[in-house]
Amino acid sequence: MGFNRAHLFAAFALVLLILSHSAEAIHPRPRICHSPSHIYQGTCSNRKCVEVCHSEHFTGGYCSRRGIATKAHCECTVKCGHQSPSPPSEVPEPPPSERPAPTKVM
């Protein structure tokens, strides 16, 4: 009893499935962590939510509803375990006259 086309196709599909699963085990997708925005106010808009989340040092954001009767709120996202950058310094840039002149590289 030999293999027919259906058996070969099934075997090929099984091999692809096993290979894709082992590739996922070697390079797992990063998990995404969620946190409600602390400063977003008003009716939720995805565009504004993303901007506010970026200002809160997250990598993204979206409008979310938890439950049926609740109104949408801004939910910020970041890769789990990712350390968000520290907030920008409160020290202002020096005026242009006090900045050192750029050096020329030859």
C-alpha atoms as a PDB file:
ATOM      1  CA  MET A   1       0.000   0.000   0.000  1.00  0.00           C
ATOM      2  CA  GLY A   2       1.582   3.265  -1.107  1.00  0.00           C
ATOM      3  CA  PHE A   3       0.923   6.899  -0.449  1.00  0.00           C
ATOM      4  CA  ASN A   4      -1.597   8.639  -2.628  1.00  0.00           C
ATOM      5  CA  ARG A   5      -1.906  12.412  -3.119  1.00  0.00           C
ATOM      6  CA  ALA A   6      -4.224  12.849  -0.126  1.00  0.00           C
ATOM      7  CA  HIS A   7      -1.739  11.117   2.191  1.00  0.00           C
ATOM      8  CA  LEU A   8       1.169  13.194   0.868  1.00  0.00           C
ATOM      9  CA  PHE A   9      -0.804  16.432   1.283  1.00  0.00           C
ATOM     10  CA  ALA A  10      -1.783  15.486   4.856  1.00  0.00           C
ATOM     11  CA  ALA A  11       1.818  14.582   5.732  1.00  0.00           C
ATOM     12  CA  PHE A  12       3.097  17.847   4.203  1.00  0.00           C
ATOM     13  CA  ALA A  13       0.482  19.887   6.120  1.00  0.00           C
ATOM     14  CA  LEU A  14       1.400  18.104   9.359  1.00  0.00           C
ATOM     15  CA  VAL A  15       5.109  18.854   8.864  1.00  0.00           C
ATOM     16  CA  LEU A  16       4.341  22.543   8.209  1.00  0.00           C
ATOM     17  CA  LEU A  17       2.190  22.700  11.333  1.00  0.00           C
ATOM     18  CA  ILE A  18       4.941  21.159  13.476  1.00  0.00           C
ATOM     19  CA  LEU A  19       7.587  23.488  12.015  1.00  0.00           C
ATOM     20  CA  SER A  20       5.477  26.595  12.571  1.00  0.00           C
ATOM     21  CA  HIS A  21       4.782  25.559  16.171  1.00  0.00           C
ATOM     22  CA  SER A  22       8.477  24.974  16.914  1.00  0.00           C
ATOM     23  CA  ALA A  23       9.390  28.337  15.339  1.00  0.00           C
ATOM     24  CA  GLU A  24       6.863  29.996  17.671  1.00  0.00           C
ATOM     25  CA  ALA A  25       8.454  28.214  20.642  1.00  0.00           C
ATOM     26  CA  ILE A  26      11.917  29.481  19.662  1.00  0.00           C
ATOM     27  CA  HIS A  27      10.799  33.078  18.958  1.00  0.00           C
ATOM     28  CA  PRO A  28       7.622  33.657  20.978  1.00  0.00           C
ATOM     29  CA  ARG A  29       5.582  36.763  20.266  1.00  0.00           C
ATOM     30  CA  PRO A  30       5.921  39.406  22.947  1.00  0.00           C
ATOM     31  CA  ARG A  31       2.955  39.701  25.265  1.00  0.00           C
ATOM     32  CA  ILE A  32       1.178  43.042  25.321  1.00  0.00           C
ATOM     33  CA  CYS A  33       0.388  44.582  28.702  1.00  0.00           C
ATOM     34  CA  HIS A  34      -2.497  47.031  29.146  1.00  0.00           C
ATOM     35  CA  SER A  35      -2.978  49.896  31.568  1.00  0.00           C
ATOM     36  CA  PRO A  36      -5.715  52.524  31.734  1.00  0.00           C
ATOM     37  CA  SER A  37      -4.531  56.037  30.874  1.00  0.00           C
ATOM     38  CA  HIS A  38      -4.090  58.220  33.939  1.00  0.00           C
ATOM     39  CA  ILE A  39      -4.578  61.546  32.167  1.00  0.00           C
ATOM     40  CA  TYR A  40      -7.030  60.925  29.271  1.00  0.00           C
ATOM     41  CA  GLN A  41     -10.379  62.652  29.787  1.00  0.00           C
ATOM     42  CA  GLY A  42     -13.523  62.998  27.713  1.00  0.00           C
ATOM     43  CA  THR A  43     -15.077  60.932  24.947  1.00  0.00           C
ATOM     44  CA  CYS A  44     -12.620  58.306  23.782  1.00  0.00           C
ATOM     45  CA  SER A  45     -11.058  58.709  20.329  1.00  0.00           C
ATOM     46  CA  ASN A  46      -8.422  56.174  19.223  1.00  0.00           C
ATOM     47  CA  ARG A  47      -6.190  58.864  17.701  1.00  0.00           C
ATOM     48  CA  LYS A  48      -6.216  61.030  20.842  1.00  0.00           C
ATOM     49  CA  CYS A  49      -5.822  57.961  23.036  1.00  0.00           C
ATOM     50  CA  VAL A  50      -2.639  56.918  21.211  1.00  0.00           C
ATOM     51  CA  GLU A  51      -1.216  60.449  21.521  1.00  0.00           C
ATOM     52  CA  VAL A  52      -1.942  60.596  25.257  1.00  0.00           C
ATOM     53  CA  CYS A  53      -0.499  57.117  25.815  1.00  0.00           C
ATOM     54  CA  HIS A  54       2.689  58.145  23.985  1.00  0.00           C
ATOM     55  CA  SER A  55       2.943  61.174  26.280  1.00  0.00           C
ATOM     56  CA  GLU A  56       2.619  58.739  29.216  1.00  0.00           C
ATOM     57  CA  HIS A  57       5.579  56.771  27.738  1.00  0.00           C
ATOM     58  CA  PHE A  58       3.571  53.813  26.457  1.00  0.00           C
ATOM     59  CA  THR A  59       4.004  52.377  22.954  1.00  0.00           C
ATOM     60  CA  GLY A  60       0.333  52.552  21.933  1.00  0.00           C
ATOM     61  CA  GLY A  61      -3.268  52.805  23.026  1.00  0.00           C
ATOM     62  CA  TYR A  62      -6.881  52.213  22.038  1.00  0.00           C
ATOM     63  CA  CYS A  63     -10.431  52.890  23.227  1.00  0.00           C
ATOM     64  CA  SER A  64     -11.843  49.983  25.210  1.00  0.00           C
ATOM     65  CA  ARG A  65     -15.167  49.063  26.782  1.00  0.00           C
ATOM     66  CA  ARG A  66     -15.269  46.783  29.778  1.00  0.00           C
ATOM     67  CA  GLY A  67     -18.773  45.397  30.114  1.00  0.00           C
ATOM     68  CA  ILE A  68     -21.874  46.203  28.123  1.00  0.00           C
ATOM     69  CA  ALA A  69     -23.111  49.407  29.758  1.00  0.00           C
ATOM     70  CA  THR A  70     -19.776  51.134  30.374  1.00  0.00           C
ATOM     71  CA  LYS A  71     -18.518  53.971  28.226  1.00  0.00           C
ATOM     72  CA  ALA A  72     -15.249  53.677  26.328  1.00  0.00           C
ATOM     73  CA  HIS A  73     -12.030  54.628  28.091  1.00  0.00           C
ATOM     74  CA  CYS A  74      -8.426  54.965  26.914  1.00  0.00           C
ATOM     75  CA  GLU A  75      -6.322  51.840  27.450  1.00  0.00           C
ATOM     76  CA  CYS A  76      -2.535  52.179  26.957  1.00  0.00           C
ATOM     77  CA  THR A  77      -0.327  49.323  25.734  1.00  0.00           C
ATOM     78  CA  VAL A  78       3.319  48.313  26.073  1.00  0.00           C
ATOM     79  CA  LYS A  79       5.288  45.079  25.605  1.00  0.00           C
ATOM     80  CA  CYS A  80       5.261  43.193  28.917  1.00  0.00           C
ATOM     81  CA  GLY A  81       8.579  43.498  30.715  1.00  0.00           C
ATOM     82  CA  HIS A  82       9.490  46.534  28.577  1.00  0.00           C
ATOM     83  CA  GLN A  83      10.838  49.355  30.660  1.00  0.00           C
ATOM     84  CA  SER A  84       9.290  52.582  29.516  1.00  0.00           C
ATOM     85  CA  PRO A  85      11.703  55.469  28.987  1.00  0.00           C
ATOM     86  CA  SER A  86      12.085  57.952  31.788  1.00  0.00           C
ATOM     87  CA  PRO A  87      10.053  61.139  31.480  1.00  0.00           C
ATOM     88  CA  PRO A  88      11.691  63.983  29.593  1.00  0.00           C
ATOM     89  CA  SER A  89      13.970  66.208  31.618  1.00  0.00           C
ATOM     90  CA  GLU A  90      12.489  69.359  33.073  1.00  0.00           C
ATOM     91  CA  VAL A  91      15.740  71.222  32.352  1.00  0.00           C
ATOM     92  CA  PRO A  92      15.187  73.537  29.373  1.00  0.00           C
ATOM     93  CA  GLU A  93      17.504  73.630  26.359  1.00  0.00           C
ATOM     94  CA  PRO A  94      20.125  76.404  26.586  1.00  0.00           C
ATOM     95  CA  PRO A  95      19.603  79.385  24.293  1.00  0.00           C
ATOM     96  CA  PRO A  96      21.333  79.150  20.870  1.00  0.00           C
ATOM     97  CA  SER A  97      24.020  81.688  21.867  1.00  0.00           C
ATOM     98  CA  GLU A  98      25.198  79.512  24.780  1.00  0.00           C
ATOM     99  CA  ARG A  99      25.369  76.262  22.821  1.00  0.00           C
ATOM    100  CA  PRO A 100      28.865  75.131  21.839  1.00  0.00           C
ATOM    101  CA  ALA A 101      29.677  75.471  18.161  1.00  0.00           C
ATOM    102  CA  PRO A 102      29.554  72.191  16.240  1.00  0.00           C
ATOM    103  CA  THR A 103      32.937  70.751  15.439  1.00  0.00           C
ATOM    104  CA  LYS A 104      33.852  69.984  11.841  1.00  0.00           C
ATOM    105  CA  VAL A 105      34.969  66.455  11.068  1.00  0.00           C
ATOM    106  CA  MET A 106      37.269  66.009   8.091  1.00  0.00           C
END
